[in-house]
C-alpha atoms as a PDB file:
ATOM      1  CA  MET A   1     -33.573   9.392  -6.573  1.00  0.00           C
ATOM      2  CA  ASP A   2     -30.300   9.606  -4.978  1.00  0.00           C
ATOM      3  CA  ALA A   3     -29.161   8.126  -1.261  1.00  0.00           C
ATOM      4  CA  GLY A   4     -29.018  11.560   0.527  1.00  0.00           C
ATOM      5  CA  LEU A   5     -32.486  12.486  -0.188  1.00  0.00           C
ATOM      6  CA  PRO A   6     -34.362  10.802   1.851  1.00  0.00           C
ATOM      7  CA  GLY A   7     -31.980  12.560   5.093  1.00  0.00           C
ATOM      8  CA  ARG A   8     -32.565  15.501   3.451  1.00  0.00           C
ATOM      9  CA  LEU A   9     -35.983  15.231   4.089  1.00  0.00           C
ATOM     10  CA  ALA A  10     -35.721  14.045   6.628  1.00  0.00           C
ATOM     11  CA  LEU A  11     -33.578  17.115   8.239  1.00  0.00           C
ATOM     12  CA  SER A  12     -35.739  19.601   6.335  1.00  0.00           C
ATOM     13  CA  LEU A  13     -38.648  18.911   8.576  1.00  0.00           C
ATOM     14  CA  LEU A  14     -36.825  18.555  12.014  1.00  0.00           C
ATOM     15  CA  PHE A  15     -35.225  21.837  11.409  1.00  0.00           C
ATOM     16  CA  THR A  16     -38.413  22.994  10.232  1.00  0.00           C
ATOM     17  CA  LEU A  17     -40.433  22.306  13.228  1.00  0.00           C
ATOM     18  CA  VAL A  18     -37.448  24.029  15.313  1.00  0.00           C
ATOM     19  CA  LEU A  19     -37.593  26.942  13.592  1.00  0.00           C
ATOM     20  CA  GLU A  20     -41.251  26.929  13.306  1.00  0.00           C
ATOM     21  CA  SER A  21     -41.736  25.930  16.730  1.00  0.00           C
ATOM     22  CA  GLY A  22     -39.735  29.150  17.908  1.00  0.00           C
ATOM     23  CA  PHE A  23     -41.428  31.770  15.672  1.00  0.00           C
ATOM     24  CA  ALA A  24     -44.257  30.606  17.280  1.00  0.00           C
ATOM     25  CA  ALA A  25     -43.060  31.425  20.859  1.00  0.00           C
ATOM     26  CA  ALA A  26     -41.082  34.920  19.534  1.00  0.00           C
ATOM     27  CA  ALA A  27     -44.334  36.115  18.055  1.00  0.00           C
ATOM     28  CA  HIS A  28     -46.575  35.078  21.372  1.00  0.00           C
ATOM     29  CA  LEU A  29     -48.396  32.300  19.908  1.00  0.00           C
ATOM     30  CA  ARG A  30     -50.293  30.629  22.349  1.00  0.00           C
ATOM     31  CA  GLY A  31     -52.586  27.317  23.258  1.00  0.00           C
ATOM     32  CA  ARG A  32     -51.896  24.315  22.892  1.00  0.00           C
ATOM     33  CA  ARG A  33     -54.157  23.621  19.959  1.00  0.00           C
ATOM     34  CA  ASN A  34     -52.222  26.064  18.005  1.00  0.00           C
ATOM     35  CA  TYR A  35     -49.059  24.323  18.559  1.00  0.00           C
ATOM     36  CA  LEU A  36     -50.667  21.340  17.381  1.00  0.00           C
ATOM     37  CA  LEU A  37     -51.989  22.993  14.770  1.00  0.00           C
ATOM     38  CA  LEU A  38     -48.351  23.931  13.916  1.00  0.00           C
ATOM     39  CA  LEU A  39     -47.190  20.466  14.417  1.00  0.00           C
ATOM     40  CA  LEU A  40     -49.459  19.158  11.362  1.00  0.00           C
ATOM     41  CA  LEU A  41     -49.467  21.502   8.835  1.00  0.00           C
ATOM     42  CA  ASN A  42     -45.541  21.126   8.672  1.00  0.00           C
ATOM     43  CA  LEU A  43     -46.584  18.131   8.660  1.00  0.00           C
ATOM     44  CA  LEU A  44     -49.163  18.144   6.055  1.00  0.00           C
ATOM     45  CA  THR A  45     -46.905  20.601   3.596  1.00  0.00           C
ATOM     46  CA  ASN A  46     -43.210  20.265   4.825  1.00  0.00           C
ATOM     47  CA  PRO A  47     -42.902  17.104   3.070  1.00  0.00           C
ATOM     48  CA  PRO A  48     -43.660  17.903  -0.602  1.00  0.00           C
ATOM     49  CA  VAL A  49     -42.135  21.221  -0.369  1.00  0.00           C
ATOM     50  CA  ALA A  50     -39.066  19.740   0.368  1.00  0.00           C
ATOM     51  CA  LEU A  51     -39.561  16.954  -1.825  1.00  0.00           C
ATOM     52  CA  LEU A  52     -40.605  19.165  -4.639  1.00  0.00           C
ATOM     53  CA  GLY A  53     -37.638  21.701  -4.042  1.00  0.00           C
ATOM     54  CA  ASN A  54     -35.301  18.711  -4.548  1.00  0.00           C
ATOM     55  CA  LEU A  55     -36.820  17.869  -7.174  1.00  0.00           C
ATOM     56  CA  PHE A  56     -36.673  20.881  -8.703  1.00  0.00           C
ATOM     57  CA  PRO A  57     -34.008  23.372  -7.696  1.00  0.00           C
ATOM     58  CA  HIS A  58     -34.704  26.670  -9.397  1.00  0.00           C
ATOM     59  CA  PRO A  59     -35.580  29.394  -7.382  1.00  0.00           C
ATOM     60  CA  ALA A  60     -38.757  30.209  -9.072  1.00  0.00           C
ATOM     61  CA  ALA A  61     -40.299  26.509  -8.152  1.00  0.00           C
ATOM     62  CA  HIS A  62     -39.122  27.469  -4.622  1.00  0.00           C
ATOM     63  CA  LEU A  63     -41.294  30.923  -4.594  1.00  0.00           C
ATOM     64  CA  LEU A  64     -43.801  29.014  -6.649  1.00  0.00           C
ATOM     65  CA  LEU A  65     -43.983  26.345  -3.765  1.00  0.00           C
ATOM     66  CA  GLU A  66     -42.923  28.302  -0.389  1.00  0.00           C
ATOM     67  CA  THR A  67     -46.112  31.135  -1.367  1.00  0.00           C
ATOM     68  CA  ALA A  68     -48.486  27.952  -1.847  1.00  0.00           C
ATOM     69  CA  ALA A  69     -47.636  26.599   1.669  1.00  0.00           C
ATOM     70  CA  VAL A  70     -47.917  29.723   3.357  1.00  0.00           C
ATOM     71  CA  LEU A  71     -51.454  30.106   1.472  1.00  0.00           C
ATOM     72  CA  VAL A  72     -52.329  27.003   2.699  1.00  0.00           C
ATOM     73  CA  GLU A  73     -51.144  27.502   6.198  1.00  0.00           C
ATOM     74  CA  GLY A  74     -52.525  30.703   6.534  1.00  0.00           C
ATOM     75  CA  ALA A  75     -55.592  29.405   5.197  1.00  0.00           C
ATOM     76  CA  LEU A  76     -55.813  26.483   7.923  1.00  0.00           C
ATOM     77  CA  TYR A  77     -55.515  29.017  10.338  1.00  0.00           C
ATOM     78  CA  ALA A  78     -57.654  31.165  10.206  1.00  0.00           C
ATOM     79  CA  ARG A  79     -60.251  28.159   9.610  1.00  0.00           C
ATOM     80  CA  LEU A  80     -58.447  26.400  12.454  1.00  0.00           C
ATOM     81  CA  GLY A  81     -56.124  28.708  14.415  1.00  0.00           C
ATOM     82  CA  GLU A  82     -57.682  30.141  18.343  1.00  0.00           C
ATOM     83  CA  GLY A  83     -56.639  33.814  18.421  1.00  0.00           C
ATOM     84  CA  MET A  84     -54.532  34.899  15.985  1.00  0.00           C
ATOM     85  CA  ARG A  85     -55.595  37.631  14.767  1.00  0.00           C
ATOM     86  CA  ARG A  86     -53.143  37.458  11.357  1.00  0.00           C
ATOM     87  CA  PRO A  87     -52.302  33.744  10.701  1.00  0.00           C
ATOM     88  CA  TYR A  88     -51.503  34.599   7.233  1.00  0.00           C
ATOM     89  CA  LEU A  89     -49.058  37.615   7.907  1.00  0.00           C
ATOM     90  CA  PHE A  90     -47.435  34.690  11.319  1.00  0.00           C
ATOM     91  CA  SER A  91     -47.082  32.522   8.286  1.00  0.00           C
ATOM     92  CA  LEU A  92     -45.512  34.358   6.032  1.00  0.00           C
ATOM     93  CA  GLY A  93     -43.277  35.246   8.483  1.00  0.00           C
ATOM     94  CA  ALA A  94     -42.648  31.557   9.811  1.00  0.00           C
ATOM     95  CA  ASN A  95     -42.084  30.603   6.793  1.00  0.00           C
ATOM     96  CA  ALA A  96     -40.196  32.811   5.289  1.00  0.00           C
ATOM     97  CA  PHE A  97     -37.783  32.875   8.970  1.00  0.00           C
ATOM     98  CA  SER A  98     -37.188  28.450   8.146  1.00  0.00           C
ATOM     99  CA  TYR A  99     -36.688  28.837   4.572  1.00  0.00           C
ATOM    100  CA  LEU A 100     -33.974  31.989   5.362  1.00  0.00           C
ATOM    101  CA  ALA A 101     -32.574  30.538   8.190  1.00  0.00           C
ATOM    102  CA  GLY A 102     -32.471  26.780   6.417  1.00  0.00           C
ATOM    103  CA  LEU A 103     -30.087  28.501   3.370  1.00  0.00           C
ATOM    104  CA  ALA A 104     -28.205  29.513   5.387  1.00  0.00           C
ATOM    105  CA  LEU A 105     -27.246  26.587   7.844  1.00  0.00           C
ATOM    106  CA  SER A 106     -27.644  24.820   4.398  1.00  0.00           C
ATOM    107  CA  PRO A 107     -24.057  24.875   4.310  1.00  0.00           C
ATOM    108  CA  LEU A 108     -22.530  23.841   7.540  1.00  0.00           C
ATOM    109  CA  LEU A 109     -25.873  20.964   7.886  1.00  0.00           C
ATOM    110  CA  SER A 110     -24.466  19.455   4.550  1.00  0.00           C
ATOM    111  CA  HIS A 111     -20.485  19.213   6.216  1.00  0.00           C
ATOM    112  CA  ILE A 112     -22.211  17.276   9.327  1.00  0.00           C
ATOM    113  CA  PHE A 113     -25.105  14.832   8.041  1.00  0.00           C
ATOM    114  CA  PHE A 114     -24.187  14.632   4.520  1.00  0.00           C
END
């Protein structure tokens, strides 16, 4: 395990929470329960996805990991969310937004933090 991995994982979680919360606001997500659910689901899915993505940096692995996160989060949004009309679409949008923004910001962040 390289010394920078814990920092990258923490940064991934932080940026995921910020970006997906911003996406949720732009998508007009309502209710404290739904925002708490967003927080809890990202605490559940981001660490293993980020860790495995760092350990297996192949695009196919990233696609598989992100797909699993979308499906798990979508299912839990459908079951536990309040008034979410399209929970799987919300999960796909939030995850795609944070993943693509992370890709775009990655070169800049690696120069600043690592």
